[in-house]
Amino acid sequence: MATDETRGPVGEAEFERDIEETRERLGQTLEQLGEKFDVKKQARSHVPQLAVAAAVAATLTALVIWRRRR
């Protein structure tokens, strides 16, 4: 049986539980990183915002051109 300096004796079951918890956290972290670096998914999620920005830019450009011609 191993010992933990802060908690005393540590059994095999506790080691296994700690390992499982660590694996779970690692899996969640990897999923989050995968989502963060998925460029296609990020681009698809920003399409509506880009469309609005393009429409605003086109409208402002048209207004500037119209105003200069008057």
PDB file of N, CA and C in Angstrom:
ATOM      1  N   MET A   1       0.843  -1.171   0.000  1.00  0.00           N
ATOM      2  CA  MET A   1       0.000   0.000   0.000  1.00  0.00           C
ATOM      3  C   MET A   1       0.892   1.238   0.000  1.00  0.00           C
ATOM      4  N   ALA A   2       0.541   2.223  -0.840  1.00  0.00           N
ATOM      5  CA  ALA A   2       1.298   3.464  -0.921  1.00  0.00           C
ATOM      6  C   ALA A   2       0.761   4.462   0.105  1.00  0.00           C
ATOM      7  N   THR A   3       1.521   5.498   0.307  1.00  0.00           N
ATOM      8  CA  THR A   3       1.058   6.550   1.220  1.00  0.00           C
ATOM      9  C   THR A   3       1.071   7.883   0.507  1.00  0.00           C
ATOM     10  N   ASP A   4       0.165   8.722   0.909  1.00  0.00           N
ATOM     11  CA  ASP A   4       0.087  10.084   0.408  1.00  0.00           C
ATOM     12  C   ASP A   4       0.489  10.967   1.580  1.00  0.00           C
ATOM     13  N   GLU A   5       1.468  11.824   1.408  1.00  0.00           N
ATOM     14  CA  GLU A   5       2.008  12.618   2.508  1.00  0.00           C
ATOM     15  C   GLU A   5       0.944  13.463   3.197  1.00  0.00           C
ATOM     16  N   THR A   6      -0.076  13.892   2.474  1.00  0.00           N
ATOM     17  CA  THR A   6      -1.082  14.768   3.073  1.00  0.00           C
ATOM     18  C   THR A   6      -2.281  14.017   3.617  1.00  0.00           C
ATOM     19  N   ARG A   7      -2.552  12.810   3.116  1.00  0.00           N
ATOM     20  CA  ARG A   7      -3.757  12.091   3.526  1.00  0.00           C
ATOM     21  C   ARG A   7      -3.502  10.746   4.169  1.00  0.00           C
ATOM     22  N   GLY A   8      -2.299  10.286   4.225  1.00  0.00           N
ATOM     23  CA  GLY A   8      -2.026   8.988   4.814  1.00  0.00           C
ATOM     24  C   GLY A   8      -2.064   7.880   3.788  1.00  0.00           C
ATOM     25  N   PRO A   9      -2.387   6.641   4.220  1.00  0.00           N
ATOM     26  CA  PRO A   9      -2.390   5.490   3.308  1.00  0.00           C
ATOM     27  C   PRO A   9      -3.391   5.653   2.154  1.00  0.00           C
ATOM     28  N   VAL A  10      -2.940   5.279   0.998  1.00  0.00           N
ATOM     29  CA  VAL A  10      -3.791   5.361  -0.198  1.00  0.00           C
ATOM     30  C   VAL A  10      -3.921   3.950  -0.760  1.00  0.00           C
ATOM     31  N   GLY A  11      -5.159   3.514  -0.953  1.00  0.00           N
ATOM     32  CA  GLY A  11      -5.397   2.177  -1.465  1.00  0.00           C
ATOM     33  C   GLY A  11      -5.430   2.140  -2.981  1.00  0.00           C
ATOM     34  N   GLU A  12      -5.419   0.947  -3.509  1.00  0.00           N
ATOM     35  CA  GLU A  12      -5.458   0.746  -4.954  1.00  0.00           C
ATOM     36  C   GLU A  12      -6.744   1.303  -5.559  1.00  0.00           C
ATOM     37  N   ALA A  13      -7.855   1.148  -4.851  1.00  0.00           N
ATOM     38  CA  ALA A  13      -9.136   1.642  -5.359  1.00  0.00           C
ATOM     39  C   ALA A  13      -9.104   3.155  -5.510  1.00  0.00           C
ATOM     40  N   GLU A  14      -8.468   3.846  -4.568  1.00  0.00           N
ATOM     41  CA  GLU A  14      -8.392   5.306  -4.662  1.00  0.00           C
ATOM     42  C   GLU A  14      -7.494   5.728  -5.821  1.00  0.00           C
ATOM     43  N   PHE A  15      -6.394   4.991  -6.035  1.00  0.00           N
ATOM     44  CA  PHE A  15      -5.536   5.259  -7.195  1.00  0.00           C
ATOM     45  C   PHE A  15      -6.331   5.124  -8.485  1.00  0.00           C
ATOM     46  N   GLU A  16      -7.066   4.047  -8.592  1.00  0.00           N
ATOM     47  CA  GLU A  16      -7.850   3.811  -9.802  1.00  0.00           C
ATOM     48  C   GLU A  16      -8.905   4.899 -10.000  1.00  0.00           C
ATOM     49  N   ARG A  17      -9.533   5.330  -8.918  1.00  0.00           N
ATOM     50  CA  ARG A  17     -10.528   6.396  -8.991  1.00  0.00           C
ATOM     51  C   ARG A  17      -9.880   7.709  -9.454  1.00  0.00           C
ATOM     52  N   ASP A  18      -8.705   7.991  -8.894  1.00  0.00           N
ATOM     53  CA  ASP A  18      -7.982   9.199  -9.305  1.00  0.00           C
ATOM     54  C   ASP A  18      -7.602   9.138 -10.784  1.00  0.00           C
ATOM     55  N   ILE A  19      -7.163   7.975 -11.222  1.00  0.00           N
ATOM     56  CA  ILE A  19      -6.790   7.804 -12.631  1.00  0.00           C
ATOM     57  C   ILE A  19      -8.007   8.004 -13.528  1.00  0.00           C
ATOM     58  N   GLU A  20      -9.139   7.444 -13.165  1.00  0.00           N
ATOM     59  CA  GLU A  20     -10.364   7.601 -13.958  1.00  0.00           C
ATOM     60  C   GLU A  20     -10.793   9.068 -14.025  1.00  0.00           C
ATOM     61  N   GLU A  21     -10.728   9.763 -12.895  1.00  0.00           N
ATOM     62  CA  GLU A  21     -11.093  11.186 -12.875  1.00  0.00           C
ATOM     63  C   GLU A  21     -10.157  11.994 -13.763  1.00  0.00           C
ATOM     64  N   THR A  22      -8.869  11.659 -13.705  1.00  0.00           N
ATOM     65  CA  THR A  22      -7.887  12.352 -14.534  1.00  0.00           C
ATOM     66  C   THR A  22      -8.144  12.081 -16.014  1.00  0.00           C
ATOM     67  N   ARG A  23      -8.447  10.851 -16.353  1.00  0.00           N
ATOM     68  CA  ARG A  23      -8.753  10.514 -17.749  1.00  0.00           C
ATOM     69  C   ARG A  23      -9.987  11.274 -18.236  1.00  0.00           C
ATOM     70  N   GLU A  24     -10.999  11.371 -17.378  1.00  0.00           N
ATOM     71  CA  GLU A  24     -12.232  12.086 -17.740  1.00  0.00           C
ATOM     72  C   GLU A  24     -11.938  13.561 -18.006  1.00  0.00           C
ATOM     73  N   ARG A  25     -11.172  14.170 -17.105  1.00  0.00           N
ATOM     74  CA  ARG A  25     -10.821  15.596 -17.294  1.00  0.00           C
ATOM     75  C   ARG A  25      -9.994  15.792 -18.553  1.00  0.00           C
ATOM     76  N   LEU A  26      -9.062  14.887 -18.789  1.00  0.00           N
ATOM     77  CA  LEU A  26      -8.222  14.968 -19.988  1.00  0.00           C
ATOM     78  C   LEU A  26      -9.076  14.832 -21.245  1.00  0.00           C
ATOM     79  N   GLY A  27     -10.019  13.903 -21.230  1.00  0.00           N
ATOM     80  CA  GLY A  27     -10.915  13.734 -22.377  1.00  0.00           C
ATOM     81  C   GLY A  27     -11.732  14.991 -22.642  1.00  0.00           C
ATOM     82  N   GLN A  28     -12.248  15.605 -21.584  1.00  0.00           N
ATOM     83  CA  GLN A  28     -13.031  16.832 -21.743  1.00  0.00           C
ATOM     84  C   GLN A  28     -12.158  17.959 -22.291  1.00  0.00           C
ATOM     85  N   THR A  29     -10.934  18.050 -21.788  1.00  0.00           N
ATOM     86  CA  THR A  29     -10.012  19.084 -22.259  1.00  0.00           C
ATOM     87  C   THR A  29      -9.702  18.894 -23.736  1.00  0.00           C
ATOM     88  N   LEU A  30      -9.464  17.659 -24.143  1.00  0.00           N
ATOM     89  CA  LEU A  30      -9.171  17.388 -25.553  1.00  0.00           C
ATOM     90  C   LEU A  30     -10.365  17.719 -26.443  1.00  0.00           C
ATOM     91  N   GLU A  31     -11.573  17.423 -25.977  1.00  0.00           N
ATOM     92  CA  GLU A  31     -12.771  17.777 -26.750  1.00  0.00           C
ATOM     93  C   GLU A  31     -12.879  19.289 -26.904  1.00  0.00           C
ATOM     94  N   GLN A  32     -12.638  20.023 -25.833  1.00  0.00           N
ATOM     95  CA  GLN A  32     -12.715  21.483 -25.891  1.00  0.00           C
ATOM     96  C   GLN A  32     -11.666  22.049 -26.840  1.00  0.00           C
ATOM     97  N   LEU A  33     -10.452  21.509 -26.783  1.00  0.00           N
ATOM     98  CA  LEU A  33      -9.404  21.971 -27.695  1.00  0.00           C
ATOM     99  C   LEU A  33      -9.753  21.645 -29.141  1.00  0.00           C
ATOM    100  N   GLY A  34     -10.314  20.470 -29.361  1.00  0.00           N
ATOM    101  CA  GLY A  34     -10.715  20.090 -30.717  1.00  0.00           C
ATOM    102  C   GLY A  34     -11.754  21.045 -31.279  1.00  0.00           C
ATOM    103  N   GLU A  35     -12.722  21.432 -30.457  1.00  0.00           N
ATOM    104  CA  GLU A  35     -13.745  22.380 -30.902  1.00  0.00           C
ATOM    105  C   GLU A  35     -13.142  23.758 -31.153  1.00  0.00           C
ATOM    106  N   LYS A  36     -12.236  24.172 -30.294  1.00  0.00           N
ATOM    107  CA  LYS A  36     -11.638  25.501 -30.424  1.00  0.00           C
ATOM    108  C   LYS A  36     -10.817  25.634 -31.700  1.00  0.00           C
ATOM    109  N   PHE A  37     -10.119  24.563 -32.082  1.00  0.00           N
ATOM    110  CA  PHE A  37      -9.248  24.627 -33.250  1.00  0.00           C
ATOM    111  C   PHE A  37      -9.880  24.056 -34.513  1.00  0.00           C
ATOM    112  N   ASP A  38     -11.177  23.801 -34.512  1.00  0.00           N
ATOM    113  CA  ASP A  38     -11.891  23.341 -35.699  1.00  0.00           C
ATOM    114  C   ASP A  38     -12.239  24.572 -36.534  1.00  0.00           C
ATOM    115  N   VAL A  39     -11.379  24.881 -37.502  1.00  0.00           N
ATOM    116  CA  VAL A  39     -11.503  26.105 -38.283  1.00  0.00           C
ATOM    117  C   VAL A  39     -12.802  26.136 -39.081  1.00  0.00           C
ATOM    118  N   LYS A  40     -13.173  25.032 -39.696  1.00  0.00           N
ATOM    119  CA  LYS A  40     -14.403  25.006 -40.486  1.00  0.00           C
ATOM    120  C   LYS A  40     -15.624  25.296 -39.614  1.00  0.00           C
ATOM    121  N   LYS A  41     -15.673  24.691 -38.451  1.00  0.00           N
ATOM    122  CA  LYS A  41     -16.803  24.911 -37.545  1.00  0.00           C
ATOM    123  C   LYS A  41     -16.843  26.370 -37.085  1.00  0.00           C
ATOM    124  N   GLN A  42     -15.689  26.925 -36.762  1.00  0.00           N
ATOM    125  CA  GLN A  42     -15.626  28.325 -36.344  1.00  0.00           C
ATOM    126  C   GLN A  42     -16.099  29.245 -37.476  1.00  0.00           C
ATOM    127  N   ALA A  43     -15.674  28.957 -38.690  1.00  0.00           N
ATOM    128  CA  ALA A  43     -16.066  29.788 -39.831  1.00  0.00           C
ATOM    129  C   ALA A  43     -17.574  29.705 -40.056  1.00  0.00           C
ATOM    130  N   ARG A  44     -18.129  28.489 -39.971  1.00  0.00           N
ATOM    131  CA  ARG A  44     -19.573  28.329 -40.163  1.00  0.00           C
ATOM    132  C   ARG A  44     -20.370  29.064 -39.095  1.00  0.00           C
ATOM    133  N   SER A  45     -19.860  29.113 -37.892  1.00  0.00           N
ATOM    134  CA  SER A  45     -20.595  29.781 -36.818  1.00  0.00           C
ATOM    135  C   SER A  45     -20.564  31.301 -36.963  1.00  0.00           C
ATOM    136  N   HIS A  46     -19.628  31.822 -37.755  1.00  0.00           N
ATOM    137  CA  HIS A  46     -19.522  33.268 -37.933  1.00  0.00           C
ATOM    138  C   HIS A  46     -20.153  33.775 -39.234  1.00  0.00           C
ATOM    139  N   VAL A  47     -20.705  32.900 -40.039  1.00  0.00           N
ATOM    140  CA  VAL A  47     -21.288  33.301 -41.318  1.00  0.00           C
ATOM    141  C   VAL A  47     -22.377  34.359 -41.154  1.00  0.00           C
ATOM    142  N   PRO A  48     -23.329  34.197 -40.237  1.00  0.00           N
ATOM    143  CA  PRO A  48     -24.360  35.232 -40.099  1.00  0.00           C
ATOM    144  C   PRO A  48     -23.780  36.601 -39.730  1.00  0.00           C
ATOM    145  N   GLN A  49     -22.789  36.622 -38.868  1.00  0.00           N
ATOM    146  CA  GLN A  49     -22.166  37.891 -38.486  1.00  0.00           C
ATOM    147  C   GLN A  49     -21.444  38.519 -39.672  1.00  0.00           C
ATOM    148  N   LEU A  50     -20.774  37.697 -40.455  1.00  0.00           N
ATOM    149  CA  LEU A  50     -20.064  38.208 -41.625  1.00  0.00           C
ATOM    150  C   LEU A  50     -21.046  38.745 -42.663  1.00  0.00           C
ATOM    151  N   ALA A  51     -22.180  38.090 -42.808  1.00  0.00           N
ATOM    152  CA  ALA A  51     -23.189  38.547 -43.764  1.00  0.00           C
ATOM    153  C   ALA A  51     -23.730  39.917 -43.352  1.00  0.00           C
ATOM    154  N   VAL A  52     -23.992  40.100 -42.084  1.00  0.00           N
ATOM    155  CA  VAL A  52     -24.486  41.395 -41.598  1.00  0.00           C
ATOM    156  C   VAL A  52     -23.420  42.463 -41.799  1.00  0.00           C
ATOM    157  N   ALA A  53     -22.173  42.142 -41.479  1.00  0.00           N
ATOM    158  CA  ALA A  53     -21.093  43.109 -41.660  1.00  0.00           C
ATOM    159  C   ALA A  53     -20.933  43.499 -43.127  1.00  0.00           C
ATOM    160  N   ALA A  54     -21.044  42.538 -44.012  1.00  0.00           N
ATOM    161  CA  ALA A  54     -20.934  42.827 -45.447  1.00  0.00           C
ATOM    162  C   ALA A  54     -22.090  43.708 -45.912  1.00  0.00           C
ATOM    163  N   ALA A  55     -23.286  43.435 -45.420  1.00  0.00           N
ATOM    164  CA  ALA A  55     -24.447  44.244 -45.796  1.00  0.00           C
ATOM    165  C   ALA A  55     -24.288  45.676 -45.298  1.00  0.00           C
ATOM    166  N   VAL A  56     -23.814  45.851 -44.098  1.00  0.00           N
ATOM    167  CA  VAL A  56     -23.599  47.195 -43.542  1.00  0.00           C
ATOM    168  C   VAL A  56     -22.535  47.922 -44.349  1.00  0.00           C
ATOM    169  N   ALA A  57     -21.446  47.243 -44.664  1.00  0.00           N
ATOM    170  CA  ALA A  57     -20.377  47.863 -45.448  1.00  0.00           C
ATOM    171  C   ALA A  57     -20.873  48.268 -46.832  1.00  0.00           C
ATOM    172  N   ALA A  58     -21.650  47.430 -47.473  1.00  0.00           N
ATOM    173  CA  ALA A  58     -22.188  47.742 -48.798  1.00  0.00           C
ATOM    174  C   ALA A  58     -23.141  48.934 -48.726  1.00  0.00           C
ATOM    175  N   THR A  59     -23.967  48.968 -47.691  1.00  0.00           N
ATOM    176  CA  THR A  59     -24.910  50.087 -47.531  1.00  0.00           C
ATOM    177  C   THR A  59     -24.166  51.388 -47.306  1.00  0.00           C
ATOM    178  N   LEU A  60     -23.171  51.370 -46.439  1.00  0.00           N
ATOM    179  CA  LEU A  60     -22.394  52.591 -46.182  1.00  0.00           C
ATOM    180  C   LEU A  60     -21.645  53.059 -47.427  1.00  0.00           C
ATOM    181  N   THR A  61     -21.106  52.117 -48.167  1.00  0.00           N
ATOM    182  CA  THR A  61     -20.406  52.462 -49.403  1.00  0.00           C
ATOM    183  C   THR A  61     -21.379  53.099 -50.396  1.00  0.00           C
ATOM    184  N   ALA A  62     -22.564  52.532 -50.537  1.00  0.00           N
ATOM    185  CA  ALA A  62     -23.568  53.088 -51.448  1.00  0.00           C
ATOM    186  C   ALA A  62     -23.987  54.481 -51.003  1.00  0.00           C
ATOM    187  N   LEU A  63     -24.150  54.692 -49.714  1.00  0.00           N
ATOM    188  CA  LEU A  63     -24.524  56.020 -49.215  1.00  0.00           C
ATOM    189  C   LEU A  63     -23.440  57.052 -49.474  1.00  0.00           C
ATOM    190  N   VAL A  64     -22.185  56.670 -49.297  1.00  0.00           N
ATOM    191  CA  VAL A  64     -21.079  57.603 -49.542  1.00  0.00           C
ATOM    192  C   VAL A  64     -21.044  57.970 -51.017  1.00  0.00           C
ATOM    193  N   ILE A  65     -21.171  56.986 -51.889  1.00  0.00           N
ATOM    194  CA  ILE A  65     -21.160  57.252 -53.337  1.00  0.00           C
ATOM    195  C   ILE A  65     -22.343  58.133 -53.711  1.00  0.00           C
ATOM    196  N   TRP A  66     -23.518  57.828 -53.220  1.00  0.00           N
ATOM    197  CA  TRP A  66     -24.719  58.609 -53.529  1.00  0.00           C
ATOM    198  C   TRP A  66     -24.550  60.047 -53.046  1.00  0.00           C
ATOM    199  N   ARG A  67     -24.006  60.210 -51.838  1.00  0.00           N
ATOM    200  CA  ARG A  67     -23.838  61.548 -51.249  1.00  0.00           C
ATOM    201  C   ARG A  67     -22.838  62.379 -52.054  1.00  0.00           C
ATOM    202  N   ARG A  68     -21.774  61.785 -52.554  1.00  0.00           N
ATOM    203  CA  ARG A  68     -20.776  62.519 -53.330  1.00  0.00           C
ATOM    204  C   ARG A  68     -21.310  62.945 -54.684  1.00  0.00           C
ATOM    205  N   ARG A  69     -22.248  62.192 -55.222  1.00  0.00           N
ATOM    206  CA  ARG A  69     -22.792  62.525 -56.553  1.00  0.00           C
ATOM    207  C   ARG A  69     -23.809  63.642 -56.478  1.00  0.00           C
ATOM    208  N   ARG A  70     -24.347  63.920 -55.305  1.00  0.00           N
ATOM    209  CA  ARG A  70     -25.350  64.975 -55.174  1.00  0.00           C
ATOM    210  C   ARG A  70     -24.771  66.335 -55.192  1.00  0.00           C
TER     211      ARG A  70
END
